């Protein structure tokens, strides 16, 4: 697995949930984002967004965010801008039935603010004439700038107050 995503094995994914059940598949999806070819990586990013990033967030969302930050700074990841956009989606999502999950997910995204600022400030090569669109570096820079703005402007009822305590049914 290399050094990227090495700490995934320290998470008890089978104990966490996403939108469709057990989060035990999340490490494989993160690995496909990290090392897959373009179609594989795109499909994995789309799956992950449906599983952990669409409203509502889940307990697996906060556990996944540090690995998304790791992927966002790894040059070999094919869609780093897509990873940053997923982080912005997570920051905008919530779960009214589980405010602690929402707060944990939002805090995990906000904890990467310095990374977003660094990615937003990285100068890239100029776009080549006739290249058919902006360079990957420019796309990452734009996504990082959008995410940084979202972090700085983030307000939600859960994050505005003291951290919620998760209630458990006995």
C-alpha atoms as a PDB file:
ATOM      1  CA  UNK A   1       0.000   0.000   0.000  1.00  0.00           C
ATOM      2  CA  UNK A   2       2.999   2.343   0.346  1.00  0.00           C
ATOM      3  CA  UNK A   3       3.004   5.277   2.704  1.00  0.00           C
ATOM      4  CA  UNK A   4      -0.135   6.887   1.287  1.00  0.00           C
ATOM      5  CA  UNK A   5      -3.187   5.716   3.222  1.00  0.00           C
ATOM      6  CA  UNK A   6      -1.084   3.502   5.493  1.00  0.00           C
ATOM      7  CA  UNK A   7      -3.031   4.565   8.606  1.00  0.00           C
ATOM      8  CA  UNK A   8      -6.305   3.214   7.136  1.00  0.00           C
ATOM      9  CA  UNK A   9      -5.596  -0.109   8.789  1.00  0.00           C
ATOM     10  CA  UNK A  10      -5.881   1.593  12.199  1.00  0.00           C
ATOM     11  CA  UNK A  11      -9.570   2.424  11.671  1.00  0.00           C
ATOM     12  CA  UNK A  12     -12.230  -0.113  12.640  1.00  0.00           C
ATOM     13  CA  UNK A  13     -14.161   0.385   9.412  1.00  0.00           C
ATOM     14  CA  UNK A  14     -16.423  -2.618  10.013  1.00  0.00           C
ATOM     15  CA  UNK A  15     -17.837  -0.836  13.085  1.00  0.00           C
ATOM     16  CA  UNK A  16     -18.715   2.306  11.106  1.00  0.00           C
ATOM     17  CA  UNK A  17     -21.650   2.959   8.764  1.00  0.00           C
ATOM     18  CA  UNK A  18     -22.225   4.844   5.547  1.00  0.00           C
ATOM     19  CA  UNK A  19     -25.409   5.507   3.572  1.00  0.00           C
ATOM     20  CA  UNK A  20     -25.713   1.913   2.380  1.00  0.00           C
ATOM     21  CA  UNK A  21     -24.435  -0.102   5.331  1.00  0.00           C
ATOM     22  CA  UNK A  22     -21.068  -1.144   6.686  1.00  0.00           C
ATOM     23  CA  UNK A  23     -18.125   1.107   5.917  1.00  0.00           C
ATOM     24  CA  UNK A  24     -15.820  -1.889   5.556  1.00  0.00           C
ATOM     25  CA  UNK A  25     -15.508  -1.140   1.807  1.00  0.00           C
ATOM     26  CA  UNK A  26     -14.257   2.429   2.323  1.00  0.00           C
ATOM     27  CA  UNK A  27     -10.523   1.501   2.417  1.00  0.00           C
ATOM     28  CA  UNK A  28     -10.800  -0.228  -0.955  1.00  0.00           C
ATOM     29  CA  UNK A  29     -12.562   2.767  -2.454  1.00  0.00           C
ATOM     30  CA  UNK A  30      -9.932   5.153  -1.075  1.00  0.00           C
ATOM     31  CA  UNK A  31      -7.249   2.906  -2.577  1.00  0.00           C
ATOM     32  CA  UNK A  32      -8.980   3.015  -5.970  1.00  0.00           C
ATOM     33  CA  UNK A  33      -8.999   6.821  -5.790  1.00  0.00           C
ATOM     34  CA  UNK A  34      -5.295   6.790  -4.916  1.00  0.00           C
ATOM     35  CA  UNK A  35      -4.028   4.282  -7.464  1.00  0.00           C
ATOM     36  CA  UNK A  36      -6.775   3.582  -9.995  1.00  0.00           C
ATOM     37  CA  UNK A  37      -6.756   4.574 -13.627  1.00  0.00           C
ATOM     38  CA  UNK A  38      -9.013   7.476 -14.607  1.00  0.00           C
ATOM     39  CA  UNK A  39     -12.314   5.550 -14.955  1.00  0.00           C
ATOM     40  CA  UNK A  40     -11.672   3.510 -11.792  1.00  0.00           C
ATOM     41  CA  UNK A  41     -10.697   6.567  -9.777  1.00  0.00           C
ATOM     42  CA  UNK A  42     -13.703   8.559 -11.019  1.00  0.00           C
ATOM     43  CA  UNK A  43     -16.095   5.738 -10.160  1.00  0.00           C
ATOM     44  CA  UNK A  44     -14.560   5.332  -6.697  1.00  0.00           C
ATOM     45  CA  UNK A  45     -14.814   9.058  -5.966  1.00  0.00           C
ATOM     46  CA  UNK A  46     -18.454   9.020  -7.065  1.00  0.00           C
ATOM     47  CA  UNK A  47     -19.161   5.974  -4.855  1.00  0.00           C
ATOM     48  CA  UNK A  48     -17.516   7.607  -1.872  1.00  0.00           C
ATOM     49  CA  UNK A  49     -19.516  10.790  -2.346  1.00  0.00           C
ATOM     50  CA  UNK A  50     -22.773   8.789  -2.350  1.00  0.00           C
ATOM     51  CA  UNK A  51     -21.720   6.754   0.669  1.00  0.00           C
ATOM     52  CA  UNK A  52     -20.323   9.391   3.033  1.00  0.00           C
ATOM     53  CA  UNK A  53     -20.782  12.846   1.558  1.00  0.00           C
ATOM     54  CA  UNK A  54     -24.376  13.187   0.558  1.00  0.00           C
ATOM     55  CA  UNK A  55     -26.723  14.372   3.215  1.00  0.00           C
ATOM     56  CA  UNK A  56     -26.705  13.015   5.778  1.00  0.00           C
ATOM     57  CA  UNK A  57     -23.154  12.399   6.958  1.00  0.00           C
ATOM     58  CA  UNK A  58     -22.358   9.225   8.879  1.00  0.00           C
ATOM     59  CA  UNK A  59     -19.913   8.117  11.534  1.00  0.00           C
ATOM     60  CA  UNK A  60     -17.602   6.885   8.769  1.00  0.00           C
ATOM     61  CA  UNK A  61     -17.476  10.372   7.243  1.00  0.00           C
ATOM     62  CA  UNK A  62     -15.236  11.866   9.935  1.00  0.00           C
ATOM     63  CA  UNK A  63     -13.009   8.776   9.832  1.00  0.00           C
ATOM     64  CA  UNK A  64     -12.598   9.162   6.066  1.00  0.00           C
ATOM     65  CA  UNK A  65     -11.810  12.890   5.945  1.00  0.00           C
ATOM     66  CA  UNK A  66      -8.141  12.675   7.050  1.00  0.00           C
ATOM     67  CA  UNK A  67      -7.506  10.214   4.227  1.00  0.00           C
ATOM     68  CA  UNK A  68      -9.204  12.560   1.765  1.00  0.00           C
ATOM     69  CA  UNK A  69      -6.833  15.317   2.881  1.00  0.00           C
ATOM     70  CA  UNK A  70      -3.953  12.881   2.340  1.00  0.00           C
ATOM     71  CA  UNK A  71      -5.187  12.132  -1.182  1.00  0.00           C
ATOM     72  CA  UNK A  72      -5.637  15.837  -1.932  1.00  0.00           C
ATOM     73  CA  UNK A  73      -1.915  16.469  -1.444  1.00  0.00           C
ATOM     74  CA  UNK A  74      -0.700  13.345  -3.257  1.00  0.00           C
ATOM     75  CA  UNK A  75       0.436  14.367  -6.726  1.00  0.00           C
ATOM     76  CA  UNK A  76      -0.245  10.947  -8.257  1.00  0.00           C
ATOM     77  CA  UNK A  77      -3.978  11.073  -7.409  1.00  0.00           C
ATOM     78  CA  UNK A  78      -5.785  11.675 -10.701  1.00  0.00           C
ATOM     79  CA  UNK A  79      -8.655  13.867  -9.456  1.00  0.00           C
ATOM     80  CA  UNK A  80      -7.297  15.868  -6.551  1.00  0.00           C
ATOM     81  CA  UNK A  81      -9.788  18.636  -7.345  1.00  0.00           C
ATOM     82  CA  UNK A  82     -12.615  16.101  -7.068  1.00  0.00           C
ATOM     83  CA  UNK A  83     -11.304  15.059  -3.656  1.00  0.00           C
ATOM     84  CA  UNK A  84     -11.293  18.695  -2.544  1.00  0.00           C
ATOM     85  CA  UNK A  85     -14.820  19.132  -3.886  1.00  0.00           C
ATOM     86  CA  UNK A  86     -15.914  16.087  -1.863  1.00  0.00           C
ATOM     87  CA  UNK A  87     -14.465  17.712   1.259  1.00  0.00           C
ATOM     88  CA  UNK A  88     -16.548  20.820   0.500  1.00  0.00           C
ATOM     89  CA  UNK A  89     -19.630  18.634   0.059  1.00  0.00           C
ATOM     90  CA  UNK A  90     -18.995  17.028   3.452  1.00  0.00           C
ATOM     91  CA  UNK A  91     -18.637  20.454   5.055  1.00  0.00           C
ATOM     92  CA  UNK A  92     -22.037  21.448   3.671  1.00  0.00           C
ATOM     93  CA  UNK A  93     -23.756  18.190   4.703  1.00  0.00           C
ATOM     94  CA  UNK A  94     -25.146  17.225   8.072  1.00  0.00           C
ATOM     95  CA  UNK A  95     -27.216  14.686   9.932  1.00  0.00           C
ATOM     96  CA  UNK A  96     -29.934  16.138  12.146  1.00  0.00           C
ATOM     97  CA  UNK A  97     -30.408  12.806  13.924  1.00  0.00           C
ATOM     98  CA  UNK A  98     -26.698  12.580  14.773  1.00  0.00           C
ATOM     99  CA  UNK A  99     -25.288  16.069  15.437  1.00  0.00           C
ATOM    100  CA  UNK A 100     -22.078  14.590  16.859  1.00  0.00           C
ATOM    101  CA  UNK A 101     -21.365  12.941  13.493  1.00  0.00           C
ATOM    102  CA  UNK A 102     -21.989  16.252  11.744  1.00  0.00           C
ATOM    103  CA  UNK A 103     -19.694  18.143  14.110  1.00  0.00           C
ATOM    104  CA  UNK A 104     -16.949  15.516  13.831  1.00  0.00           C
ATOM    105  CA  UNK A 105     -17.114  15.559  10.021  1.00  0.00           C
ATOM    106  CA  UNK A 106     -17.102  19.361   9.842  1.00  0.00           C
ATOM    107  CA  UNK A 107     -14.251  19.612  12.363  1.00  0.00           C
ATOM    108  CA  UNK A 108     -12.226  17.080  10.358  1.00  0.00           C
ATOM    109  CA  UNK A 109     -12.676  19.118   7.180  1.00  0.00           C
ATOM    110  CA  UNK A 110     -11.837  22.383   8.966  1.00  0.00           C
ATOM    111  CA  UNK A 111      -8.715  20.781  10.461  1.00  0.00           C
ATOM    112  CA  UNK A 112      -7.281  20.696   6.943  1.00  0.00           C
ATOM    113  CA  UNK A 113      -7.627  24.445   6.421  1.00  0.00           C
ATOM    114  CA  UNK A 114      -3.856  24.972   6.256  1.00  0.00           C
ATOM    115  CA  UNK A 115      -3.617  22.263   3.599  1.00  0.00           C
ATOM    116  CA  UNK A 116      -6.335  23.940   1.528  1.00  0.00           C
ATOM    117  CA  UNK A 117      -4.522  27.268   1.862  1.00  0.00           C
ATOM    118  CA  UNK A 118      -1.253  25.680   0.745  1.00  0.00           C
ATOM    119  CA  UNK A 119      -2.903  23.964  -2.240  1.00  0.00           C
ATOM    120  CA  UNK A 120      -4.667  27.192  -3.177  1.00  0.00           C
ATOM    121  CA  UNK A 121      -1.382  29.085  -3.211  1.00  0.00           C
ATOM    122  CA  UNK A 122       0.725  26.620  -5.214  1.00  0.00           C
ATOM    123  CA  UNK A 123       1.700  28.211  -8.506  1.00  0.00           C
ATOM    124  CA  UNK A 124       1.303  25.950 -11.463  1.00  0.00           C
ATOM    125  CA  UNK A 125       2.514  25.989 -15.015  1.00  0.00           C
ATOM    126  CA  UNK A 126       0.545  28.181 -17.389  1.00  0.00           C
ATOM    127  CA  UNK A 127      -2.138  26.466 -19.414  1.00  0.00           C
ATOM    128  CA  UNK A 128      -0.832  25.310 -22.759  1.00  0.00           C
ATOM    129  CA  UNK A 129      -2.556  26.869 -25.746  1.00  0.00           C
ATOM    130  CA  UNK A 130      -5.036  24.449 -27.260  1.00  0.00           C
ATOM    131  CA  UNK A 131      -4.738  22.078 -24.301  1.00  0.00           C
ATOM    132  CA  UNK A 132      -8.509  21.749 -24.068  1.00  0.00           C
ATOM    133  CA  UNK A 133      -9.021  23.180 -20.605  1.00  0.00           C
ATOM    134  CA  UNK A 134      -7.235  24.304 -17.492  1.00  0.00           C
ATOM    135  CA  UNK A 135      -4.192  22.425 -16.254  1.00  0.00           C
ATOM    136  CA  UNK A 136      -4.627  19.949 -13.381  1.00  0.00           C
ATOM    137  CA  UNK A 137      -2.633  22.311 -11.157  1.00  0.00           C
ATOM    138  CA  UNK A 138      -5.026  25.165 -11.906  1.00  0.00           C
ATOM    139  CA  UNK A 139      -8.037  22.892 -11.280  1.00  0.00           C
ATOM    140  CA  UNK A 140      -6.619  21.843  -7.886  1.00  0.00           C
ATOM    141  CA  UNK A 141      -5.828  25.461  -7.032  1.00  0.00           C
ATOM    142  CA  UNK A 142      -9.386  26.540  -7.876  1.00  0.00           C
ATOM    143  CA  UNK A 143     -10.956  23.684  -5.878  1.00  0.00           C
ATOM    144  CA  UNK A 144      -8.687  24.437  -2.906  1.00  0.00           C
ATOM    145  CA  UNK A 145      -9.629  28.112  -3.044  1.00  0.00           C
ATOM    146  CA  UNK A 146     -13.352  27.230  -3.103  1.00  0.00           C
ATOM    147  CA  UNK A 147     -12.902  24.855  -0.167  1.00  0.00           C
ATOM    148  CA  UNK A 148     -10.882  27.406   1.801  1.00  0.00           C
ATOM    149  CA  UNK A 149     -13.663  29.934   1.271  1.00  0.00           C
ATOM    150  CA  UNK A 150     -16.260  27.359   2.412  1.00  0.00           C
ATOM    151  CA  UNK A 151     -14.236  26.595   5.548  1.00  0.00           C
ATOM    152  CA  UNK A 152     -13.846  30.281   6.379  1.00  0.00           C
ATOM    153  CA  UNK A 153     -17.547  30.989   5.825  1.00  0.00           C
ATOM    154  CA  UNK A 154     -18.848  27.799   7.443  1.00  0.00           C
ATOM    155  CA  UNK A 155     -21.720  28.267   9.821  1.00  0.00           C
ATOM    156  CA  UNK A 156     -24.195  25.666  10.868  1.00  0.00           C
ATOM    157  CA  UNK A 157     -26.241  25.233  14.037  1.00  0.00           C
ATOM    158  CA  UNK A 158     -24.243  22.197  15.140  1.00  0.00           C
ATOM    159  CA  UNK A 159     -20.838  23.835  14.736  1.00  0.00           C
ATOM    160  CA  UNK A 160     -21.893  27.153  16.234  1.00  0.00           C
ATOM    161  CA  UNK A 161     -22.550  25.728  19.696  1.00  0.00           C
ATOM    162  CA  UNK A 162     -20.683  23.478  22.073  1.00  0.00           C
ATOM    163  CA  UNK A 163     -19.954  19.984  20.774  1.00  0.00           C
ATOM    164  CA  UNK A 164     -23.092  17.820  20.947  1.00  0.00           C
ATOM    165  CA  UNK A 165     -23.199  14.638  22.938  1.00  0.00           C
ATOM    166  CA  UNK A 166     -24.473  11.604  21.121  1.00  0.00           C
ATOM    167  CA  UNK A 167     -27.480  10.084  22.828  1.00  0.00           C
ATOM    168  CA  UNK A 168     -27.676   6.345  23.044  1.00  0.00           C
ATOM    169  CA  UNK A 169     -30.807   4.257  23.353  1.00  0.00           C
ATOM    170  CA  UNK A 170     -30.532   1.682  26.123  1.00  0.00           C
END
